[in-house]
Amino acid sequence: MIFGRLPLDQAEGAILAHAVIVNADERLRKGHVLTLSDIASLAAAGIITVLAAKLDETDIGENAAAAAIAAPLCGGNVTVKAPFTGRTNLFASKDGIFTVDEDIINSINSLHESITIATIENHEKVEAGQMVATVKIIPFAAQQKNVSAALNILGDAEKSSALQISPFIKQKIGVISTILPGTKERIIRKSEEILSDRLSHCGNTIDIRQTVSHDEQALKLALESLMDQKCDVILIFGASAITDRLDVIPMAISLTGGNIDHFGMPVDPGNLMLLGHNGPISIIGLPGCARSPKLNGFDWVLQRLLANIPVTPSDIMNMGVGGLLKEISSRPQPRSRPVSDKTGNAPKSVAILILAAGQSRRMGPKNKLLAEIDGQPMADITAEQALGSKAEAVFAVIGHEKEKTNEIFENKGIKTFFNEQYEEGLSSSLKTGFRELADNYDGILICLADMPFVTTALLDQLIDAFDIEEGRAIIVPAVDGKRGNPVLIASSFKADILALTGDIGAKPIITENEHVVFNLDIENDSIFRDIDTPESLIHLQRKSELE
């Protein structure tokens, strides 16, 4: 191909590189092939040269080259449109999963800079009519030898699998939800509604539903029942997240004679997904994030299975690049409520709420929060530990002797909320804090002001463990299975908190939502050590003096 500024007497048949305004009534567009009439008009306008390209016998025009390469790219359920300006677009003809032979595309793109193919992501879910790829010839022509090389890479057009759509296939799907004491029916129904929506976008529905105890023997029987009913895919919502291959869900699958193909995946959210099978039946232990409509690793596996694309352990292990799906500051995701501004790449915002409104009845006439340990008021120690943490902000609820307790927090720069109903007990302070904070933070870490031995390090551990999309919406510290304080609760439980009454904390909410509770195992008893009697305070002060 000859490209350059050509005198008009050599420009017949040349392709204009740029648009040329001949006169007020005539404009020749880019890519126009010049005729003798065009040249006469240009000459009459005083134009003596044009920037243009002329093809030789070794060239194929851009449209012909694009069409030639696009045709054998089309595998099953992929169609091609007519070329224009050196570009040919390819489209899905059915809903399904797009697959691409990346080696073929990379090889063609490496032949010569004049030939390019761009596609959507491999294994991306597509809808009929969606563009999935484009072939673009960069200059006005491609050399015959480069086009021939591309066609040799593509091989037999009738057997092409370079680009194809695997359509979704209607399958019989069974869903099992396991439950623990206190599991709410509405959690199960909501989870199934979200799953139904996922399936509907892939041409499927939930065909059979079962609810059983979170026990391997009970789950085994449920699995066998769905197998007997000829389910193709069985999905399991666990009341508690899977933590090991010997946990309830994988054990139940094994008890049926099934196999565990893979546990875990390098996709976040979605890490705790389990993939197994029993004969031809695929069985998935769902990660906690499957209860959320947001995209997660389970979607990638489910979509492939519904398109009849096998998913192997190596397929899952190769999902890591591009597998970070959760929100980061440079890629925010839609939210149902506003959140506070964040800095850095923190994907969650947590506020610490110190409860300091109680009347200290067991301590007698003195306010225990003002009692000194090593010369420092107890509430002041708690505040310092909270301020040293990675929490986005620290707040306190005050009530009894509000002027005195407020002074402690005010001196630390901590904003306080006054609980007018503090005499009604702990629940009133929780409600006060959640009313003020739940709409601005993802989670609230509830600290008791009379627990000065809870360290900044422990608070940070609780915050690090908090991950709503991974099914860890409530974080509770525990020693040998015994739970203590402080507790971190997702702000989405605001309505549940506001429904509490009496002198109780968040225990009912924890009990009723075990499926999203994560026990953070620690090695010391600081999570049990509150100072609520004169004897315990005196003992602590004497111990401090001896030390």
Protein backbone atom coordinates (compact mmCIF):
# COMPACT_ATOMS: atom_id res chain seq x y z
CA MET A 1 0.00 0.00 0.00
CA ILE A 2 1.22 3.46 -0.95
CA PHE A 3 0.37 6.14 1.59
CA GLY A 4 1.32 9.76 1.34
CA ARG A 5 0.57 13.14 -0.18
CA LEU A 6 -0.26 12.49 -3.78
CA PRO A 7 -0.42 15.00 -6.65
CA LEU A 8 -3.83 15.04 -8.27
CA ASP A 9 -2.61 13.48 -11.51
CA GLN A 10 -1.68 10.34 -9.50
CA ALA A 11 -4.73 10.31 -7.21
CA GLU A 12 -7.37 8.49 -9.27
CA GLY A 13 -8.57 5.44 -7.28
CA ALA A 14 -6.78 6.61 -4.12
CA ILE A 15 -8.50 6.45 -0.72
CA LEU A 16 -8.71 9.74 1.14
CA ALA A 17 -6.98 9.63 4.52
CA HIS A 18 -8.95 12.62 5.80
CA ALA A 19 -12.09 14.48 4.82
CA VAL A 20 -11.57 17.27 2.27
CA ILE A 21 -13.83 20.30 1.91
CA VAL A 22 -13.98 21.04 -1.83
CA ASN A 23 -16.36 23.98 -1.63
CA ALA A 24 -19.39 25.16 0.32
CA ASP A 25 -21.55 22.51 -1.32
CA GLU A 26 -19.17 19.58 -1.58
CA ARG A 27 -17.25 17.60 1.01
CA LEU A 28 -15.37 14.35 0.39
CA ARG A 29 -15.35 12.09 3.45
CA LYS A 30 -12.48 10.10 4.85
CA GLY A 31 -12.17 6.75 3.05
CA HIS A 32 -13.72 8.05 -0.15
CA VAL A 33 -12.23 6.56 -3.32
CA LEU A 34 -11.35 9.40 -5.68
CA THR A 35 -12.81 9.46 -9.19
CA LEU A 36 -11.81 11.62 -12.19
CA SER A 37 -14.81 13.83 -11.40
CA ASP A 38 -13.59 14.29 -7.80
CA ILE A 39 -10.13 15.20 -9.03
CA ALA A 40 -11.57 17.79 -11.40
CA SER A 41 -13.53 19.37 -8.54
CA LEU A 42 -10.44 19.43 -6.33
CA ALA A 43 -8.40 21.07 -9.08
CA ALA A 44 -11.09 23.66 -9.65
CA ALA A 45 -10.96 24.46 -5.93
CA GLY A 46 -7.22 25.06 -6.14
CA ILE A 47 -6.25 21.89 -4.31
CA ILE A 48 -3.16 20.33 -5.88
CA THR A 49 -2.41 17.36 -3.53
CA VAL A 50 -4.32 15.00 -1.27
CA LEU A 51 -3.22 12.78 1.62
CA ALA A 52 -4.36 9.36 0.50
CA ALA A 53 -3.62 5.65 0.19
CA LYS A 54 -3.40 3.52 -2.94
CA LEU A 55 -3.63 -0.25 -2.81
CA ASP A 56 -1.38 -2.57 -4.78
CA GLU A 57 -1.81 -6.17 -5.89
CA THR A 58 -0.59 -7.52 -2.49
CA ASP A 59 -3.31 -5.68 -0.54
CA ILE A 60 -6.87 -6.57 0.47
CA GLY A 61 -9.20 -3.68 1.18
CA GLU A 62 -10.14 -3.06 4.79
CA ASN A 63 -13.74 -4.22 4.52
CA ALA A 64 -12.90 -7.35 2.55
CA ALA A 65 -10.09 -8.22 4.96
CA ALA A 66 -12.27 -7.70 8.02
CA ALA A 67 -15.08 -9.81 6.58
CA ALA A 68 -12.69 -12.60 5.57
CA ILE A 69 -11.28 -12.92 9.09
CA ALA A 70 -14.60 -12.50 10.90
CA ALA A 71 -16.40 -15.29 9.04
CA PRO A 72 -14.38 -18.25 10.41
CA LEU A 73 -14.33 -16.70 13.90
CA CYS A 74 -18.05 -17.44 14.27
CA GLY A 75 -18.64 -20.61 16.22
CA GLY A 76 -21.94 -21.77 17.63
CA ASN A 77 -24.55 -19.08 18.21
CA VAL A 78 -22.30 -16.24 17.02
CA THR A 79 -23.35 -14.16 14.02
CA VAL A 80 -21.54 -11.51 11.99
CA LYS A 81 -22.70 -8.22 10.49
CA ALA A 82 -21.55 -6.69 7.22
CA PRO A 83 -18.26 -4.77 7.43
CA PHE A 84 -18.01 -0.98 7.43
CA THR A 85 -14.96 1.30 7.58
CA GLY A 86 -12.73 -1.73 8.07
CA ARG A 87 -14.74 -3.08 10.99
CA THR A 88 -16.87 -6.20 11.35
CA ASN A 89 -18.87 -6.83 14.54
CA LEU A 90 -19.91 -10.21 15.89
CA PHE A 91 -22.99 -10.83 18.04
CA ALA A 92 -24.51 -13.47 20.30
CA SER A 93 -27.64 -15.05 18.85
CA LYS A 94 -28.70 -16.66 22.15
CA ASP A 95 -28.50 -16.00 25.89
CA GLY A 96 -25.63 -17.96 27.40
CA ILE A 97 -21.94 -17.97 28.22
CA PHE A 98 -19.39 -16.60 25.78
CA THR A 99 -16.22 -18.63 25.34
CA VAL A 100 -13.17 -17.63 23.36
CA ASP A 101 -9.99 -19.48 22.39
CA GLU A 102 -7.57 -16.95 23.78
CA ASP A 103 -4.56 -18.55 22.08
CA ILE A 104 -6.16 -18.10 18.66
CA ILE A 105 -7.06 -14.47 19.29
CA ASN A 106 -3.62 -13.68 20.69
CA SER A 107 -1.93 -15.39 17.75
CA ILE A 108 -3.89 -13.40 15.18
CA ASN A 109 -3.34 -10.14 17.06
CA SER A 110 0.39 -10.92 17.04
CA LEU A 111 0.60 -11.38 13.26
CA HIS A 112 0.69 -7.73 12.27
CA GLU A 113 -0.44 -4.43 13.71
CA SER A 114 -2.88 -3.94 10.84
CA ILE A 115 -5.16 -6.78 12.03
CA THR A 116 -6.90 -6.60 15.40
CA ILE A 117 -9.59 -8.63 17.15
CA ALA A 118 -11.18 -7.48 20.40
CA THR A 119 -13.61 -9.60 22.45
CA ILE A 120 -15.47 -9.42 25.72
CA GLU A 121 -14.15 -11.46 28.68
CA ASN A 122 -13.92 -15.22 28.34
CA HIS A 123 -16.87 -16.93 30.09
CA GLU A 124 -18.85 -13.71 30.30
CA LYS A 125 -22.62 -14.04 30.53
CA VAL A 126 -24.29 -12.59 27.42
CA GLU A 127 -27.74 -11.89 26.05
CA ALA A 128 -29.00 -12.48 22.53
CA GLY A 129 -28.11 -9.50 20.34
CA GLN A 130 -25.14 -8.46 22.47
CA MET A 131 -21.90 -7.64 20.64
CA VAL A 132 -19.18 -10.07 21.71
CA ALA A 133 -16.28 -9.23 19.38
CA THR A 134 -15.07 -6.88 16.67
CA VAL A 135 -12.53 -7.30 13.88
CA LYS A 136 -10.86 -4.06 12.86
CA ILE A 137 -8.34 -3.49 10.09
CA ILE A 138 -6.35 -0.48 11.23
CA PRO A 139 -5.14 1.01 7.90
CA PHE A 140 -7.15 1.07 4.68
CA ALA A 141 -5.95 -2.38 3.72
CA ALA A 142 -4.19 -5.48 5.01
CA GLN A 143 -1.57 -7.39 3.14
CA GLN A 144 -2.76 -10.62 1.55
CA LYS A 145 -0.06 -12.63 3.31
CA ASN A 146 -1.22 -11.43 6.76
CA VAL A 147 -4.87 -12.17 6.05
CA SER A 148 -3.91 -15.63 4.78
CA ALA A 149 -1.87 -16.24 7.93
CA ALA A 150 -4.90 -15.31 10.08
CA LEU A 151 -7.12 -17.68 8.11
CA ASN A 152 -4.59 -20.48 8.53
CA ILE A 153 -4.68 -19.97 12.31
CA LEU A 154 -8.46 -20.11 12.29
CA GLY A 155 -8.54 -23.28 10.18
CA ASP A 156 -11.78 -24.82 8.94
CA ALA A 157 -14.55 -22.24 9.21
CA GLU A 158 -17.18 -24.95 9.59
CA LYS A 159 -15.46 -26.30 12.70
CA SER A 160 -14.64 -22.96 14.27
CA SER A 161 -14.68 -22.75 18.06
CA ALA A 162 -12.68 -19.55 18.38
CA LEU A 163 -15.79 -17.68 19.53
CA GLN A 164 -18.99 -19.34 20.61
CA ILE A 165 -21.99 -19.02 22.88
CA SER A 166 -22.98 -21.94 25.07
CA PRO A 167 -26.71 -21.35 25.58
CA PHE A 168 -28.36 -21.79 28.95
CA ILE A 169 -30.14 -25.12 29.32
CA LYS A 170 -33.19 -25.68 31.52
CA GLN A 171 -32.13 -27.97 34.35
CA LYS A 172 -33.88 -29.38 37.39
CA ILE A 173 -32.59 -27.46 40.39
CA GLY A 174 -33.01 -28.35 44.04
CA VAL A 175 -32.22 -26.01 46.92
CA ILE A 176 -31.56 -27.05 50.51
CA SER A 177 -31.39 -24.54 53.36
CA THR A 178 -29.92 -25.80 56.63
CA ILE A 179 -31.05 -24.23 59.88
CA LEU A 180 -29.85 -23.82 63.45
CA PRO A 181 -31.99 -22.94 66.48
CA GLY A 182 -33.18 -19.39 65.99
CA THR A 183 -32.71 -19.26 62.21
CA LYS A 184 -35.43 -16.98 60.86
CA GLU A 185 -37.79 -18.15 58.15
CA ARG A 186 -37.52 -14.77 56.45
CA ILE A 187 -33.75 -15.26 56.00
CA ILE A 188 -34.39 -18.51 54.15
CA ARG A 189 -37.13 -16.99 52.00
CA LYS A 190 -35.06 -13.91 51.17
CA SER A 191 -32.06 -16.03 50.21
CA GLU A 192 -34.23 -18.17 47.94
CA GLU A 193 -35.76 -15.08 46.33
CA ILE A 194 -32.29 -13.76 45.47
CA LEU A 195 -31.29 -17.16 44.12
CA SER A 196 -34.48 -17.37 42.04
CA ASP A 197 -33.61 -14.03 40.47
CA ARG A 198 -30.11 -15.29 39.62
CA LEU A 199 -31.51 -18.41 38.03
CA SER A 200 -34.16 -16.54 36.04
CA HIS A 201 -31.43 -14.59 34.26
CA CYS A 202 -30.02 -17.93 33.16
CA GLY A 203 -33.31 -19.44 31.99
CA ASN A 204 -33.86 -21.54 35.12
CA THR A 205 -35.93 -21.72 38.29
CA ILE A 206 -35.87 -23.42 41.69
CA ASP A 207 -37.78 -26.66 41.20
CA ILE A 208 -37.56 -28.22 44.68
CA ARG A 209 -36.97 -26.63 48.09
CA GLN A 210 -36.08 -28.33 51.37
CA THR A 211 -35.17 -27.07 54.84
CA VAL A 212 -33.28 -29.32 57.26
CA SER A 213 -31.20 -29.11 60.42
CA HIS A 214 -27.58 -28.07 60.04
CA ASP A 215 -26.43 -31.62 60.63
CA GLU A 216 -24.58 -33.96 58.26
CA GLN A 217 -27.02 -36.85 58.69
CA ALA A 218 -30.10 -34.69 58.13
CA LEU A 219 -28.46 -33.03 55.14
CA LYS A 220 -27.43 -36.42 53.73
CA LEU A 221 -31.08 -37.53 53.71
CA ALA A 222 -32.15 -34.29 52.01
CA LEU A 223 -29.47 -34.68 49.36
CA GLU A 224 -30.52 -38.25 48.67
CA SER A 225 -34.13 -37.13 48.35
CA LEU A 226 -33.24 -34.55 45.70
CA MET A 227 -31.05 -37.07 43.90
CA ASP A 228 -33.95 -39.52 43.81
CA GLN A 229 -36.06 -36.75 42.26
CA LYS A 230 -33.51 -36.46 39.43
CA CYS A 231 -32.17 -33.00 40.16
CA ASP A 232 -29.37 -31.89 37.85
CA VAL A 233 -27.99 -29.27 40.23
CA ILE A 234 -28.30 -29.09 44.03
CA LEU A 235 -27.51 -25.82 45.82
CA ILE A 236 -27.03 -25.69 49.60
CA PHE A 237 -27.48 -22.59 51.76
CA GLY A 238 -25.65 -23.44 54.99
CA ALA A 239 -26.81 -21.97 58.30
CA SER A 240 -23.11 -21.61 59.06
CA ALA A 241 -20.26 -20.96 56.65
CA ILE A 242 -18.16 -23.94 55.52
CA THR A 243 -14.79 -23.83 57.24
CA ASP A 244 -13.22 -27.18 56.30
CA ARG A 245 -13.63 -30.19 54.02
CA LEU A 246 -14.83 -32.08 57.10
CA ASP A 247 -17.53 -29.52 57.92
CA VAL A 248 -21.25 -30.39 57.80
CA ILE A 249 -21.95 -29.74 54.11
CA PRO A 250 -18.94 -31.54 52.60
CA MET A 251 -19.38 -34.42 55.06
CA ALA A 252 -23.02 -34.82 54.02
CA ILE A 253 -22.03 -34.90 50.35
CA SER A 254 -19.43 -37.57 51.10
CA LEU A 255 -21.97 -39.61 53.08
CA THR A 256 -24.14 -39.84 49.95
CA GLY A 257 -21.20 -41.34 48.08
CA GLY A 258 -20.48 -38.04 46.38
CA ASN A 259 -17.14 -36.32 45.85
CA ILE A 260 -15.74 -32.96 46.89
CA ASP A 261 -14.15 -31.45 43.80
CA HIS A 262 -12.88 -28.20 45.28
CA PHE A 263 -13.27 -26.10 48.41
CA GLY A 264 -12.59 -22.38 48.26
CA MET A 265 -11.91 -20.12 45.33
CA PRO A 266 -9.62 -17.13 44.61
CA VAL A 267 -12.60 -14.85 44.06
CA ASP A 268 -13.67 -12.27 46.61
CA PRO A 269 -16.52 -12.28 47.49
CA GLY A 270 -17.04 -15.99 47.09
CA ASN A 271 -14.01 -17.50 48.83
CA LEU A 272 -15.92 -20.13 50.80
CA MET A 273 -17.71 -21.87 47.93
CA LEU A 274 -17.61 -25.67 47.78
CA LEU A 275 -18.03 -27.63 44.55
CA GLY A 276 -18.88 -31.32 44.55
CA HIS A 277 -20.81 -33.91 42.62
CA ASN A 278 -22.55 -37.24 42.89
CA GLY A 279 -22.48 -38.93 39.51
CA PRO A 280 -23.78 -36.40 36.97
CA ILE A 281 -25.36 -34.21 39.67
CA SER A 282 -23.49 -30.99 40.51
CA ILE A 283 -23.64 -29.99 44.18
CA ILE A 284 -22.60 -26.55 45.43
CA GLY A 285 -22.15 -25.46 49.03
CA LEU A 286 -22.93 -21.76 48.70
CA PRO A 287 -20.74 -19.04 50.20
CA GLY A 288 -22.48 -16.56 52.47
CA CYS A 289 -22.29 -13.88 49.78
CA ALA A 290 -24.75 -15.91 47.66
CA ARG A 291 -27.46 -14.42 49.91
CA SER A 292 -26.60 -11.04 48.37
CA PRO A 293 -27.60 -10.04 44.82
CA LYS A 294 -24.13 -8.61 44.18
CA LEU A 295 -21.83 -10.38 41.74
CA ASN A 296 -19.65 -12.99 43.44
CA GLY A 297 -17.63 -16.09 42.57
CA PHE A 298 -20.65 -18.38 42.84
CA ASP A 299 -22.19 -16.56 39.86
CA TRP A 300 -19.27 -17.56 37.66
CA VAL A 301 -19.61 -21.22 38.57
CA LEU A 302 -23.41 -21.34 38.42
CA GLN A 303 -23.59 -19.65 35.03
CA ARG A 304 -21.16 -22.12 33.48
CA LEU A 305 -22.97 -25.12 34.89
CA LEU A 306 -26.30 -23.87 33.57
CA ALA A 307 -24.70 -23.48 30.14
CA ASN A 308 -23.47 -27.07 30.37
CA ILE A 309 -19.83 -25.99 30.63
CA PRO A 310 -17.88 -28.26 33.01
CA VAL A 311 -16.16 -26.52 35.93
CA THR A 312 -12.96 -28.18 37.13
CA PRO A 313 -10.77 -27.41 40.14
CA SER A 314 -8.19 -25.88 37.80
CA ASP A 315 -10.90 -23.66 36.29
CA ILE A 316 -11.69 -22.35 39.76
CA MET A 317 -8.04 -21.88 40.70
CA ASN A 318 -7.50 -19.85 37.52
CA MET A 319 -10.19 -17.33 38.45
CA GLY A 320 -7.91 -15.26 40.66
CA VAL A 321 -6.87 -12.65 38.09
CA GLY A 322 -9.92 -10.42 37.86
CA GLY A 323 -11.41 -12.22 40.84
CA LEU A 324 -11.39 -9.22 43.17
CA LEU A 325 -15.03 -8.28 42.81
CA LYS A 326 -15.72 -6.53 46.07
CA GLU A 327 -15.91 -2.79 46.34
CA ILE A 328 -12.76 -0.70 46.34
CA SER A 329 -12.51 3.08 46.28
CA SER A 330 -11.70 3.18 42.57
CA ARG A 331 -14.62 0.90 41.67
CA PRO A 332 -17.59 1.68 43.91
CA GLN A 333 -20.65 -0.51 43.62
CA PRO A 334 -24.27 0.64 43.99
CA ARG A 335 -25.60 0.67 47.52
CA SER A 336 -29.06 0.69 48.96
CA ARG A 337 -28.05 3.30 51.51
CA PRO A 338 -25.44 6.04 51.80
CA VAL A 339 -22.15 5.33 53.51
CA SER A 340 -19.56 7.59 54.99
CA ASP A 341 -16.70 8.85 52.89
CA LYS A 342 -13.76 6.48 52.92
CA THR A 343 -10.07 6.96 52.41
CA GLY A 344 -7.60 4.45 51.08
CA ASN A 345 -8.84 1.14 49.72
CA ALA A 346 -10.92 0.07 52.72
CA PRO A 347 -13.95 -1.83 51.41
CA LYS A 348 -15.97 -1.35 54.60
CA SER A 349 -16.61 1.35 57.15
CA VAL A 350 -16.88 0.48 60.83
CA ALA A 351 -17.65 2.82 63.72
CA ILE A 352 -17.01 1.94 67.34
CA LEU A 353 -19.87 2.64 69.72
CA ILE A 354 -18.92 2.77 73.41
CA LEU A 355 -21.87 2.11 75.70
CA ALA A 356 -21.47 4.25 78.82
CA ALA A 357 -25.02 5.10 79.88
CA GLY A 358 -25.64 2.49 82.58
CA GLN A 359 -26.36 3.19 86.24
CA SER A 360 -23.79 0.75 87.69
CA ARG A 361 -26.32 -0.53 90.23
CA ARG A 362 -24.10 -3.40 91.37
CA MET A 363 -21.28 -0.97 92.13
CA GLY A 364 -23.25 0.94 94.76
CA PRO A 365 -23.41 4.73 94.80
CA LYS A 366 -20.23 5.29 92.75
CA ASN A 367 -20.16 5.42 88.96
CA LYS A 368 -17.75 2.65 88.06
CA LEU A 369 -16.83 4.27 84.73
CA LEU A 370 -15.19 7.08 86.70
CA ALA A 371 -13.26 4.68 88.95
CA GLU A 372 -9.53 4.86 88.36
CA ILE A 373 -7.19 2.06 87.31
CA ASP A 374 -3.56 3.10 87.56
CA GLY A 375 -4.73 6.69 87.98
CA GLN A 376 -6.91 6.66 84.86
CA PRO A 377 -10.72 6.49 84.71
CA MET A 378 -11.97 3.17 83.42
CA ALA A 379 -14.01 4.74 80.60
CA ASP A 380 -10.96 6.75 79.56
CA ILE A 381 -8.94 3.53 79.10
CA THR A 382 -11.69 2.03 76.96
CA ALA A 383 -11.83 5.20 74.87
CA GLU A 384 -8.07 5.16 74.26
CA GLN A 385 -8.13 1.58 73.06
CA ALA A 386 -10.98 2.42 70.67
CA LEU A 387 -9.28 5.54 69.31
CA GLY A 388 -6.13 3.56 68.59
CA SER A 389 -7.99 1.10 66.37
CA LYS A 390 -8.55 1.15 62.62
CA ALA A 391 -12.23 2.02 63.09
CA GLU A 392 -13.32 4.92 60.93
CA ALA A 393 -14.76 6.78 63.91
CA VAL A 394 -15.51 6.38 67.63
CA PHE A 395 -18.70 7.45 69.39
CA ALA A 396 -20.22 6.93 72.83
CA VAL A 397 -23.70 6.70 74.32
CA ILE A 398 -24.09 8.39 77.70
CA GLY A 399 -26.96 8.56 80.18
CA HIS A 400 -26.40 8.16 83.91
CA GLU A 401 -24.34 11.09 85.27
CA LYS A 402 -24.06 12.34 81.73
CA GLU A 403 -22.05 15.46 82.57
CA LYS A 404 -19.24 13.45 84.17
CA THR A 405 -19.05 10.73 81.52
CA ASN A 406 -19.41 13.23 78.69
CA GLU A 407 -16.39 15.12 80.00
CA ILE A 408 -14.23 11.99 79.64
CA PHE A 409 -15.24 11.45 76.02
CA GLU A 410 -15.25 15.13 75.16
CA ASN A 411 -11.62 15.40 76.30
CA LYS A 412 -10.80 12.61 73.83
CA GLY A 413 -12.65 14.28 70.96
CA ILE A 414 -15.33 11.58 70.96
CA LYS A 415 -18.86 12.62 70.02
CA THR A 416 -21.54 11.42 72.43
CA PHE A 417 -25.25 10.65 72.09
CA PHE A 418 -27.50 11.07 75.11
CA ASN A 419 -29.83 8.15 75.82
CA GLU A 420 -32.87 9.61 77.44
CA GLN A 421 -34.23 6.13 78.25
CA TYR A 422 -31.01 4.83 79.84
CA GLU A 423 -32.94 3.58 82.87
CA GLU A 424 -34.67 1.05 80.59
CA GLY A 425 -31.42 -0.86 80.20
CA LEU A 426 -28.79 -1.83 77.65
CA SER A 427 -31.13 -2.18 74.67
CA SER A 428 -32.03 1.51 74.87
CA SER A 429 -28.37 2.47 74.43
CA LEU A 430 -27.98 0.14 71.47
CA LYS A 431 -31.01 1.71 69.84
CA THR A 432 -29.69 5.22 70.48
CA GLY A 433 -26.39 4.39 68.79
CA PHE A 434 -27.86 2.56 65.80
CA ARG A 435 -30.35 5.34 65.13
CA GLU A 436 -27.46 7.78 64.88
CA LEU A 437 -24.89 5.66 63.03
CA ALA A 438 -26.44 2.82 61.03
CA ASP A 439 -27.16 4.90 57.93
CA ASN A 440 -23.56 6.14 57.72
CA TYR A 441 -21.46 3.04 58.45
CA ASP A 442 -21.43 -0.56 57.25
CA GLY A 443 -20.98 -1.95 60.74
CA ILE A 444 -21.07 -0.90 64.38
CA LEU A 445 -18.53 -2.35 66.84
CA ILE A 446 -20.23 -2.29 70.22
CA CYS A 447 -17.83 -1.81 73.13
CA LEU A 448 -18.78 -1.80 76.79
CA ALA A 449 -17.15 1.03 78.69
CA ASP A 450 -16.53 -1.23 81.73
CA MET A 451 -14.25 -3.61 79.78
CA PRO A 452 -10.89 -1.80 79.85
CA PHE A 453 -8.91 -4.97 79.09
CA VAL A 454 -10.17 -5.16 75.51
CA THR A 455 -7.17 -4.07 73.47
CA THR A 456 -6.81 -2.10 70.29
CA ALA A 457 -5.36 -5.22 68.65
CA LEU A 458 -8.54 -7.19 69.40
CA LEU A 459 -10.72 -4.41 68.03
CA ASP A 460 -8.69 -4.46 64.82
CA GLN A 461 -9.07 -8.24 64.56
CA LEU A 462 -12.85 -7.90 64.79
CA ILE A 463 -12.88 -5.22 62.10
CA ASP A 464 -10.64 -7.28 59.81
CA ALA A 465 -12.95 -10.29 60.12
CA PHE A 466 -16.05 -8.26 59.21
CA ASP A 467 -17.16 -8.97 55.63
CA ILE A 468 -20.86 -8.80 54.81
CA GLU A 469 -20.45 -10.17 51.30
CA GLU A 470 -18.60 -13.20 52.61
CA GLY A 471 -21.39 -13.92 55.07
CA ARG A 472 -19.58 -12.49 58.12
CA ALA A 473 -22.06 -9.80 59.10
CA ILE A 474 -21.79 -10.37 62.87
CA ILE A 475 -18.38 -10.87 64.48
CA VAL A 476 -18.16 -12.27 67.99
CA PRO A 477 -14.93 -13.00 69.91
CA ALA A 478 -14.75 -16.42 71.54
CA VAL A 479 -12.43 -18.47 73.73
CA ASP A 480 -12.84 -22.25 73.34
CA GLY A 481 -16.27 -21.66 71.82
CA LYS A 482 -17.50 -19.38 74.62
CA ARG A 483 -18.54 -15.99 73.31
CA GLY A 484 -17.83 -12.62 74.83
CA ASN A 485 -17.64 -8.89 74.04
CA PRO A 486 -17.22 -6.62 72.13
CA VAL A 487 -19.45 -7.54 69.17
CA LEU A 488 -19.46 -6.11 65.66
CA ILE A 489 -22.87 -6.00 63.95
CA ALA A 490 -23.70 -4.98 60.39
CA SER A 491 -25.81 -1.85 60.15
CA SER A 492 -28.33 -3.80 58.07
CA PHE A 493 -29.60 -5.17 61.41
CA LYS A 494 -30.77 -1.71 62.44
CA ALA A 495 -34.44 -2.73 62.40
CA ASP A 496 -33.69 -5.74 64.61
CA ILE A 497 -31.76 -3.56 67.06
CA LEU A 498 -34.58 -1.04 67.24
CA ALA A 499 -37.01 -3.85 68.08
CA LEU A 500 -35.06 -4.84 71.24
CA THR A 501 -36.50 -4.09 74.67
CA GLY A 502 -35.28 -4.37 78.23
CA ASP A 503 -31.85 -4.71 79.79
CA ILE A 504 -30.43 -6.99 77.10
CA GLY A 505 -27.77 -6.63 74.47
CA ALA A 506 -27.55 -8.05 70.98
CA LYS A 507 -27.64 -11.73 72.01
CA PRO A 508 -31.13 -12.38 70.51
CA ILE A 509 -29.97 -11.00 67.16
CA ILE A 510 -26.85 -13.16 67.24
CA THR A 511 -28.87 -16.26 68.07
CA GLU A 512 -31.41 -15.63 65.31
CA ASN A 513 -28.79 -15.01 62.63
CA GLU A 514 -26.20 -17.73 63.17
CA HIS A 515 -25.77 -18.15 59.42
CA VAL A 516 -23.92 -14.81 59.26
CA VAL A 517 -22.15 -15.03 62.62
CA PHE A 518 -18.39 -15.49 62.66
CA ASN A 519 -16.66 -16.56 65.87
CA LEU A 520 -13.26 -14.91 66.15
CA ASP A 521 -11.13 -17.28 68.21
CA ILE A 522 -8.76 -15.57 70.65
CA GLU A 523 -6.51 -16.86 73.41
CA ASN A 524 -7.13 -14.56 76.39
CA ASP A 525 -10.14 -13.89 78.60
CA SER A 526 -10.30 -10.11 78.19
CA ILE A 527 -13.61 -10.54 76.38
CA PHE A 528 -15.22 -11.74 79.64
CA ARG A 529 -13.60 -9.31 82.09
CA ASP A 530 -15.99 -6.50 82.90
CA ILE A 531 -15.85 -4.52 86.15
CA ASP A 532 -19.33 -4.59 87.62
CA THR A 533 -18.92 -5.02 91.39
CA PRO A 534 -16.94 -3.15 94.06
CA GLU A 535 -15.09 -6.41 94.82
CA SER A 536 -13.92 -6.84 91.25
CA LEU A 537 -12.72 -3.24 91.12
CA ILE A 538 -10.86 -3.51 94.46
CA HIS A 539 -9.26 -6.78 93.33
CA LEU A 540 -8.12 -5.14 90.11
CA GLN A 541 -6.73 -2.08 91.88
CA ARG A 542 -4.83 -4.19 94.42
CA LYS A 543 -3.44 -6.36 91.65
CA SER A 544 -2.33 -3.24 89.82
CA GLU A 545 -0.57 -1.93 92.95
CA LEU A 546 1.27 -5.21 93.42
CA GLU A 547 2.44 -5.16 89.81
